[in-house]
Amino acid sequence: MTAGGTVVVVDDDLEVGQLLSKVLTRAGYLVLVAGSGEEGLALLSREGLVCLVVDKILPGLGGLEVMAEARRRRPALPVVLITGHPEPFQMGDERPDAVVMKPFSSLPAVVEAVSAAVEAARQAPLSALRDRVVAAVSELTPSRRKRE
């Protein structure tokens, strides 16, 4: 495992998968590339997995279905959706942590989207803990109205 952790990239376009692998590897991630949704889901059990990058349009199991199944299996795993189809699409309750449009206008933007999603996921447990501590302290601390 590298310092940045492991990223699974799911794209049926081999060139896109290789490009994202190179860019994310340079950014410090170990990258595993899958050519289908099914292959991508098979990689979710990998240790050190910090992000899933998935194309919206895939043969067979589509990107939104992959995202939903990934969230079912690993609810805290950040997902970056990549798409060359800018039309609105229905996602239900499942939302990606970021959406990156293809063709990529900026490869650093892809790295930034992945890094931001990973960092937000790392901070989420701390934020949840902080919120629980604040709630517990407020329950234990008598309010001024009660004392007056």
Protein backbone atom coordinates (compact mmCIF):
# COMPACT_ATOMS: atom_id res chain seq x y z
CA MET A 1 0.00 0.00 0.00
CA THR A 2 1.24 3.48 -0.79
CA ALA A 3 0.99 6.53 1.43
CA GLY A 4 -2.12 7.75 -0.39
CA GLY A 5 -3.86 4.38 -0.27
CA THR A 6 -5.46 2.34 -3.03
CA VAL A 7 -7.82 3.72 -5.66
CA VAL A 8 -9.93 1.48 -7.90
CA VAL A 9 -10.60 2.98 -11.34
CA VAL A 10 -13.45 1.41 -13.32
CA ASP A 11 -13.62 2.38 -16.98
CA ASP A 12 -14.24 0.21 -20.05
CA ASP A 13 -11.97 2.49 -22.11
CA LEU A 14 -8.50 1.01 -21.57
CA GLU A 15 -6.76 4.27 -22.51
CA VAL A 16 -8.74 6.26 -19.94
CA GLY A 17 -8.02 3.66 -17.27
CA GLN A 18 -4.29 3.75 -18.04
CA LEU A 19 -4.24 7.57 -18.08
CA LEU A 20 -5.98 7.80 -14.71
CA SER A 21 -3.69 5.12 -13.33
CA LYS A 22 -0.58 7.10 -14.33
CA VAL A 23 -1.90 10.41 -13.00
CA LEU A 24 -3.10 8.98 -9.68
CA THR A 25 0.05 6.89 -9.24
CA ARG A 26 2.15 10.05 -9.61
CA ALA A 27 -0.05 11.60 -6.91
CA GLY A 28 0.93 8.81 -4.49
CA TYR A 29 -1.91 6.32 -4.87
CA LEU A 30 -1.75 2.63 -5.71
CA VAL A 31 -4.17 2.27 -8.61
CA LEU A 32 -6.08 -0.85 -9.65
CA VAL A 33 -7.87 -0.61 -13.00
CA ALA A 34 -10.99 -2.60 -13.84
CA GLY A 35 -12.60 -2.74 -17.28
CA SER A 36 -16.13 -3.49 -16.06
CA GLY A 37 -18.41 -2.82 -13.15
CA GLU A 38 -18.26 -6.44 -12.09
CA GLU A 39 -14.44 -6.38 -12.07
CA GLY A 40 -14.48 -3.15 -10.09
CA LEU A 41 -16.81 -4.56 -7.46
CA ALA A 42 -14.55 -7.61 -7.10
CA LEU A 43 -11.72 -5.23 -6.08
CA LEU A 44 -13.67 -3.54 -3.28
CA SER A 45 -12.41 -5.99 -0.69
CA ARG A 46 -8.81 -4.84 -1.19
CA GLU A 47 -7.07 -3.62 1.93
CA GLY A 48 -6.16 0.06 1.99
CA LEU A 49 -8.88 1.06 -0.48
CA VAL A 50 -9.52 4.80 -0.13
CA CYS A 51 -11.58 5.70 -3.23
CA LEU A 52 -13.56 4.32 -6.15
CA VAL A 53 -13.41 6.19 -9.47
CA VAL A 54 -16.10 4.88 -11.81
CA ASP A 55 -17.28 5.80 -15.30
CA LYS A 56 -21.01 6.43 -15.55
CA ILE A 57 -21.49 4.47 -18.77
CA LEU A 58 -20.21 0.90 -18.63
CA PRO A 59 -21.32 -2.23 -20.47
CA GLY A 60 -23.29 -4.57 -18.25
CA LEU A 61 -23.38 -3.17 -14.74
CA GLY A 62 -23.46 0.63 -15.16
CA GLY A 63 -21.51 3.17 -13.13
CA LEU A 64 -24.47 4.27 -11.02
CA GLU A 65 -25.23 0.64 -10.18
CA VAL A 66 -21.58 0.07 -9.28
CA MET A 67 -21.66 3.15 -7.06
CA ALA A 68 -24.83 1.99 -5.29
CA GLU A 69 -23.43 -1.50 -4.69
CA ALA A 70 -20.09 -0.09 -3.52
CA ARG A 71 -21.93 2.12 -1.02
CA ARG A 72 -23.94 -0.86 0.19
CA ARG A 73 -20.76 -2.87 0.78
CA ARG A 74 -18.55 -0.02 2.03
CA PRO A 75 -20.71 2.94 3.08
CA ALA A 76 -17.79 5.22 3.97
CA LEU A 77 -15.90 4.67 0.69
CA PRO A 78 -15.73 7.89 -1.35
CA VAL A 79 -16.83 7.63 -4.98
CA VAL A 80 -15.77 9.89 -7.86
CA LEU A 81 -18.02 9.54 -10.90
CA ILE A 82 -16.54 10.29 -14.31
CA THR A 83 -18.79 10.92 -17.29
CA GLY A 84 -18.74 12.19 -20.82
CA HIS A 85 -22.53 12.57 -20.74
CA PRO A 86 -23.40 15.91 -19.14
CA GLU A 87 -27.17 15.44 -19.34
CA PRO A 88 -28.97 15.28 -16.00
CA PHE A 89 -29.31 11.83 -14.56
CA GLN A 90 -31.25 10.27 -11.72
CA MET A 91 -29.25 8.99 -8.77
CA GLY A 92 -31.82 8.52 -6.04
CA ASP A 93 -30.33 8.85 -2.57
CA GLU A 94 -26.87 7.78 -3.71
CA ARG A 95 -24.64 10.66 -4.71
CA PRO A 96 -21.00 10.57 -5.72
CA ASP A 97 -18.55 12.60 -3.68
CA ALA A 98 -17.43 14.30 -6.90
CA VAL A 99 -18.24 14.28 -10.61
CA VAL A 100 -15.51 14.82 -13.22
CA MET A 101 -16.42 15.44 -16.84
CA LYS A 102 -14.75 13.68 -19.80
CA PRO A 103 -12.88 14.56 -21.85
CA PHE A 104 -10.70 15.73 -18.99
CA SER A 105 -9.88 19.41 -19.35
CA SER A 106 -7.38 19.14 -16.52
CA LEU A 107 -5.77 15.98 -15.18
CA PRO A 108 -4.83 17.75 -11.93
CA ALA A 109 -8.58 18.31 -11.46
CA VAL A 110 -9.06 14.53 -11.39
CA VAL A 111 -6.36 14.17 -8.74
CA GLU A 112 -7.90 17.05 -6.81
CA ALA A 113 -11.36 15.43 -6.91
CA VAL A 114 -10.00 12.10 -5.65
CA SER A 115 -7.83 13.73 -2.97
CA ALA A 116 -10.69 15.94 -1.75
CA ALA A 117 -13.07 12.95 -1.57
CA VAL A 118 -10.50 10.88 0.32
CA GLU A 119 -9.75 13.71 2.77
CA ALA A 120 -13.46 14.37 3.38
CA ALA A 121 -13.98 10.66 4.12
CA ARG A 122 -11.05 10.69 6.55
CA GLN A 123 -12.47 13.72 8.34
CA ALA A 124 -16.06 12.41 8.50
CA PRO A 125 -15.52 10.11 11.53
CA LEU A 126 -13.84 12.96 13.40
CA SER A 127 -16.71 15.32 12.60
CA ALA A 128 -19.27 12.73 13.70
CA LEU A 129 -17.37 12.15 16.93
CA ARG A 130 -17.11 15.89 17.56
CA ASP A 131 -20.86 16.28 17.00
CA ARG A 132 -21.60 13.43 19.44
CA VAL A 133 -19.28 14.96 22.08
CA VAL A 134 -20.89 18.38 21.69
CA ALA A 135 -24.37 16.84 21.99
CA ALA A 136 -23.36 14.85 25.09
CA VAL A 137 -21.76 17.88 26.75
CA SER A 138 -24.81 20.03 26.02
CA GLU A 139 -27.05 17.39 27.62
CA LEU A 140 -24.85 17.28 30.71
CA THR A 141 -24.41 21.03 31.01
CA PRO A 142 -27.40 22.75 32.54
CA SER A 143 -28.64 25.61 30.41
CA ARG A 144 -28.78 29.11 31.85
CA ARG A 145 -32.56 29.15 31.67
CA LYS A 146 -32.78 26.17 33.98
CA ARG A 147 -30.53 27.91 36.51
CA GLU A 148 -32.37 31.24 36.42
